Amino acid sequence: MSDNDKGGKFKKFAQKGKCRFCRAKIKHMDWKDSQTLARLSTGQGKLFSRKRSGNCSRHQRQFKLAVKHARFMALLPYVAK
């Protein structure tokens, strides 16, 4: 670890200054993309916070709604066993 590094597991996304969806210029998050949605949630089905996921507030809100739609359509579990 270098002297400028403050450490931490999730520093990778915070260094860039923008969330991954802003960098990819994604306007709307798709609820059918279950792999991306599952990557941003825990194994128990809980959603990662903005700080941990590195999302901006706009995309975090879209992510939350997309997960709710995907859960309703049985693409993601409500809770893990």
N, C-alpha and C. Protein backbone atom coordinates (compact mmCIF):
# COMPACT_ATOMS: atom_id res chain seq x y z
N MET A 1 0.84 -1.17 0.00
CA MET A 1 0.00 0.00 0.00
C MET A 1 0.89 1.24 0.00
N SER A 2 0.60 2.22 -0.82
CA SER A 2 1.43 3.41 -0.92
C SER A 2 1.09 4.40 0.20
N ASP A 3 1.88 5.45 0.31
CA ASP A 3 1.66 6.44 1.35
C ASP A 3 0.39 7.25 1.12
N ASN A 4 0.02 7.46 -0.13
CA ASN A 4 -1.17 8.24 -0.45
C ASN A 4 -2.45 7.46 -0.25
N ASP A 5 -2.36 6.14 -0.26
CA ASP A 5 -3.52 5.27 -0.10
C ASP A 5 -4.01 5.30 1.33
N LYS A 6 -5.31 5.48 1.51
CA LYS A 6 -5.88 5.42 2.85
C LYS A 6 -6.39 4.03 3.16
N GLY A 7 -6.31 3.12 2.21
CA GLY A 7 -6.73 1.74 2.42
C GLY A 7 -8.23 1.59 2.23
N GLY A 8 -8.71 0.41 2.56
CA GLY A 8 -10.13 0.12 2.44
C GLY A 8 -10.41 -0.78 1.25
N LYS A 9 -11.44 -1.58 1.39
CA LYS A 9 -11.80 -2.53 0.35
C LYS A 9 -12.41 -1.85 -0.87
N PHE A 10 -13.15 -0.78 -0.65
CA PHE A 10 -14.00 -0.23 -1.70
C PHE A 10 -13.45 1.09 -2.24
N LYS A 11 -12.17 1.30 -2.14
CA LYS A 11 -11.54 2.52 -2.62
C LYS A 11 -11.53 2.59 -4.14
N LYS A 12 -11.65 1.45 -4.80
CA LYS A 12 -11.53 1.35 -6.25
C LYS A 12 -12.49 2.29 -6.97
N PHE A 13 -13.73 2.38 -6.52
CA PHE A 13 -14.73 3.18 -7.20
C PHE A 13 -14.71 4.63 -6.72
N ALA A 14 -14.32 4.86 -5.49
CA ALA A 14 -14.33 6.21 -4.95
C ALA A 14 -13.23 7.08 -5.57
N GLN A 15 -12.17 6.49 -6.05
CA GLN A 15 -11.06 7.25 -6.61
C GLN A 15 -11.44 7.92 -7.92
N LYS A 16 -12.29 7.33 -8.69
CA LYS A 16 -12.61 7.84 -10.02
C LYS A 16 -13.49 9.09 -9.96
N GLY A 17 -14.29 9.25 -8.92
CA GLY A 17 -15.12 10.44 -8.78
C GLY A 17 -16.53 10.28 -9.31
N LYS A 18 -16.77 9.31 -10.16
CA LYS A 18 -18.11 9.09 -10.69
C LYS A 18 -18.51 7.65 -10.46
N CYS A 19 -19.80 7.41 -10.47
CA CYS A 19 -20.24 6.03 -10.30
C CYS A 19 -20.04 5.26 -11.60
N ARG A 20 -20.10 3.95 -11.51
CA ARG A 20 -19.83 3.11 -12.69
C ARG A 20 -20.86 3.32 -13.79
N PHE A 21 -22.09 3.66 -13.43
CA PHE A 21 -23.13 3.86 -14.43
C PHE A 21 -22.99 5.22 -15.10
N CYS A 22 -22.53 6.23 -14.37
CA CYS A 22 -22.26 7.53 -14.99
C CYS A 22 -21.08 7.43 -15.94
N ARG A 23 -20.05 6.67 -15.56
CA ARG A 23 -18.89 6.50 -16.44
C ARG A 23 -19.27 5.76 -17.71
N ALA A 24 -20.21 4.81 -17.60
CA ALA A 24 -20.66 4.06 -18.78
C ALA A 24 -21.78 4.77 -19.53
N LYS A 25 -22.19 5.94 -19.04
CA LYS A 25 -23.24 6.78 -19.65
C LYS A 25 -24.56 6.02 -19.78
N ILE A 26 -24.92 5.30 -18.71
CA ILE A 26 -26.20 4.59 -18.67
C ILE A 26 -27.25 5.52 -18.10
N LYS A 27 -28.29 5.80 -18.90
CA LYS A 27 -29.34 6.72 -18.47
C LYS A 27 -30.36 6.04 -17.56
N HIS A 28 -30.69 4.79 -17.91
CA HIS A 28 -31.73 4.08 -17.16
C HIS A 28 -31.25 2.66 -16.86
N MET A 29 -31.43 2.24 -15.63
CA MET A 29 -31.01 0.91 -15.22
C MET A 29 -32.11 -0.11 -15.56
N ASP A 30 -31.72 -1.23 -16.12
CA ASP A 30 -32.68 -2.24 -16.57
C ASP A 30 -32.87 -3.30 -15.50
N TRP A 31 -34.12 -3.59 -15.17
CA TRP A 31 -34.40 -4.59 -14.14
C TRP A 31 -34.16 -6.01 -14.65
N LYS A 32 -34.04 -6.19 -15.96
CA LYS A 32 -33.82 -7.52 -16.53
C LYS A 32 -32.35 -7.95 -16.47
N ASP A 33 -31.45 -7.02 -16.16
CA ASP A 33 -30.03 -7.32 -16.05
C ASP A 33 -29.74 -7.83 -14.63
N SER A 34 -30.10 -9.07 -14.38
CA SER A 34 -30.03 -9.61 -13.02
C SER A 34 -28.60 -9.82 -12.53
N GLN A 35 -27.66 -10.02 -13.43
CA GLN A 35 -26.27 -10.21 -13.00
C GLN A 35 -25.70 -8.93 -12.39
N THR A 36 -25.96 -7.80 -13.02
CA THR A 36 -25.48 -6.53 -12.48
C THR A 36 -26.18 -6.21 -11.16
N LEU A 37 -27.47 -6.47 -11.10
CA LEU A 37 -28.22 -6.20 -9.87
C LEU A 37 -27.75 -7.10 -8.73
N ALA A 38 -27.45 -8.35 -9.03
CA ALA A 38 -26.99 -9.28 -8.00
C ALA A 38 -25.60 -8.91 -7.52
N ARG A 39 -24.78 -8.34 -8.39
CA ARG A 39 -23.43 -7.93 -8.01
C ARG A 39 -23.44 -6.78 -7.00
N LEU A 40 -24.49 -5.97 -7.03
CA LEU A 40 -24.60 -4.82 -6.14
C LEU A 40 -25.41 -5.13 -4.88
N SER A 41 -25.63 -6.40 -4.61
CA SER A 41 -26.35 -6.78 -3.39
C SER A 41 -25.59 -7.90 -2.69
N THR A 42 -25.87 -8.10 -1.42
CA THR A 42 -25.17 -9.10 -0.63
C THR A 42 -25.71 -10.49 -0.95
N GLY A 43 -25.09 -11.49 -0.39
CA GLY A 43 -25.55 -12.86 -0.56
C GLY A 43 -26.89 -13.11 0.09
N GLN A 44 -27.22 -12.28 1.08
CA GLN A 44 -28.50 -12.41 1.76
C GLN A 44 -29.62 -11.68 1.04
N GLY A 45 -29.28 -10.94 -0.01
CA GLY A 45 -30.29 -10.21 -0.77
C GLY A 45 -30.42 -8.76 -0.36
N LYS A 46 -29.59 -8.28 0.56
CA LYS A 46 -29.63 -6.87 0.96
C LYS A 46 -28.89 -6.03 -0.06
N LEU A 47 -29.30 -4.78 -0.20
CA LEU A 47 -28.67 -3.88 -1.16
C LEU A 47 -27.47 -3.20 -0.52
N PHE A 48 -26.40 -3.04 -1.31
CA PHE A 48 -25.25 -2.30 -0.82
C PHE A 48 -25.60 -0.82 -0.75
N SER A 49 -25.01 -0.13 0.20
CA SER A 49 -25.24 1.31 0.33
C SER A 49 -24.52 2.05 -0.79
N ARG A 50 -24.82 3.33 -0.91
CA ARG A 50 -24.16 4.15 -1.94
C ARG A 50 -22.67 4.21 -1.71
N LYS A 51 -22.29 4.31 -0.45
CA LYS A 51 -20.86 4.41 -0.13
C LYS A 51 -20.13 3.13 -0.50
N ARG A 52 -20.75 2.01 -0.25
CA ARG A 52 -20.10 0.74 -0.53
C ARG A 52 -20.13 0.38 -2.01
N SER A 53 -21.23 0.68 -2.68
CA SER A 53 -21.34 0.34 -4.10
C SER A 53 -20.68 1.36 -5.01
N GLY A 54 -20.55 2.60 -4.54
CA GLY A 54 -19.94 3.64 -5.35
C GLY A 54 -20.90 4.30 -6.31
N ASN A 55 -22.19 4.09 -6.14
CA ASN A 55 -23.19 4.69 -7.03
C ASN A 55 -23.49 6.12 -6.61
N CYS A 56 -23.90 6.93 -7.59
CA CYS A 56 -24.40 8.26 -7.27
C CYS A 56 -25.85 8.11 -6.80
N SER A 57 -26.41 9.19 -6.28
CA SER A 57 -27.76 9.10 -5.70
C SER A 57 -28.81 8.75 -6.76
N ARG A 58 -28.65 9.30 -7.97
CA ARG A 58 -29.62 9.03 -9.04
C ARG A 58 -29.63 7.55 -9.41
N HIS A 59 -28.46 6.99 -9.61
CA HIS A 59 -28.38 5.58 -10.01
C HIS A 59 -28.69 4.65 -8.84
N GLN A 60 -28.44 5.08 -7.62
CA GLN A 60 -28.80 4.24 -6.47
C GLN A 60 -30.32 4.11 -6.35
N ARG A 61 -31.03 5.20 -6.62
CA ARG A 61 -32.49 5.14 -6.60
C ARG A 61 -33.01 4.26 -7.73
N GLN A 62 -32.42 4.39 -8.93
CA GLN A 62 -32.81 3.53 -10.04
C GLN A 62 -32.50 2.07 -9.74
N PHE A 63 -31.36 1.83 -9.10
CA PHE A 63 -30.97 0.48 -8.72
C PHE A 63 -31.98 -0.12 -7.74
N LYS A 64 -32.40 0.66 -6.77
CA LYS A 64 -33.37 0.19 -5.78
C LYS A 64 -34.67 -0.22 -6.45
N LEU A 65 -35.17 0.61 -7.36
CA LEU A 65 -36.41 0.28 -8.05
C LEU A 65 -36.25 -0.91 -8.99
N ALA A 66 -35.10 -1.01 -9.64
CA ALA A 66 -34.85 -2.13 -10.54
C ALA A 66 -34.80 -3.45 -9.77
N VAL A 67 -34.21 -3.43 -8.58
CA VAL A 67 -34.17 -4.64 -7.75
C VAL A 67 -35.57 -5.04 -7.32
N LYS A 68 -36.38 -4.06 -6.96
CA LYS A 68 -37.76 -4.37 -6.56
C LYS A 68 -38.55 -4.98 -7.71
N HIS A 69 -38.38 -4.45 -8.92
CA HIS A 69 -39.05 -5.04 -10.09
C HIS A 69 -38.53 -6.45 -10.37
N ALA A 70 -37.22 -6.63 -10.27
CA ALA A 70 -36.63 -7.95 -10.55
C ALA A 70 -37.07 -8.97 -9.51
N ARG A 71 -37.21 -8.55 -8.26
CA ARG A 71 -37.70 -9.47 -7.23
C ARG A 71 -39.14 -9.87 -7.51
N PHE A 72 -39.96 -8.91 -7.92
CA PHE A 72 -41.36 -9.20 -8.22
C PHE A 72 -41.48 -10.17 -9.39
N MET A 73 -40.58 -10.04 -10.36
CA MET A 73 -40.59 -10.92 -11.54
C MET A 73 -39.80 -12.19 -11.31
N ALA A 74 -39.34 -12.44 -10.09
CA ALA A 74 -38.64 -13.66 -9.67
C ALA A 74 -37.28 -13.84 -10.34
N LEU A 75 -36.62 -12.74 -10.70
CA LEU A 75 -35.26 -12.81 -11.21
C LEU A 75 -34.24 -12.76 -10.08
N LEU A 76 -34.61 -12.13 -8.97
CA LEU A 76 -33.77 -12.05 -7.78
C LEU A 76 -34.57 -12.53 -6.58
N PRO A 77 -33.92 -13.14 -5.61
CA PRO A 77 -34.65 -13.57 -4.41
C PRO A 77 -34.91 -12.40 -3.47
N TYR A 78 -35.99 -12.49 -2.71
CA TYR A 78 -36.24 -11.50 -1.66
C TYR A 78 -35.24 -11.69 -0.53
N VAL A 79 -35.07 -12.93 -0.10
CA VAL A 79 -34.08 -13.27 0.93
C VAL A 79 -33.41 -14.57 0.53
N ALA A 80 -32.19 -14.75 0.99
CA ALA A 80 -31.47 -16.00 0.70
C ALA A 80 -31.70 -16.96 1.85
N LYS A 81 -31.59 -18.24 1.59
CA LYS A 81 -31.80 -19.23 2.63
C LYS A 81 -30.52 -19.57 3.31
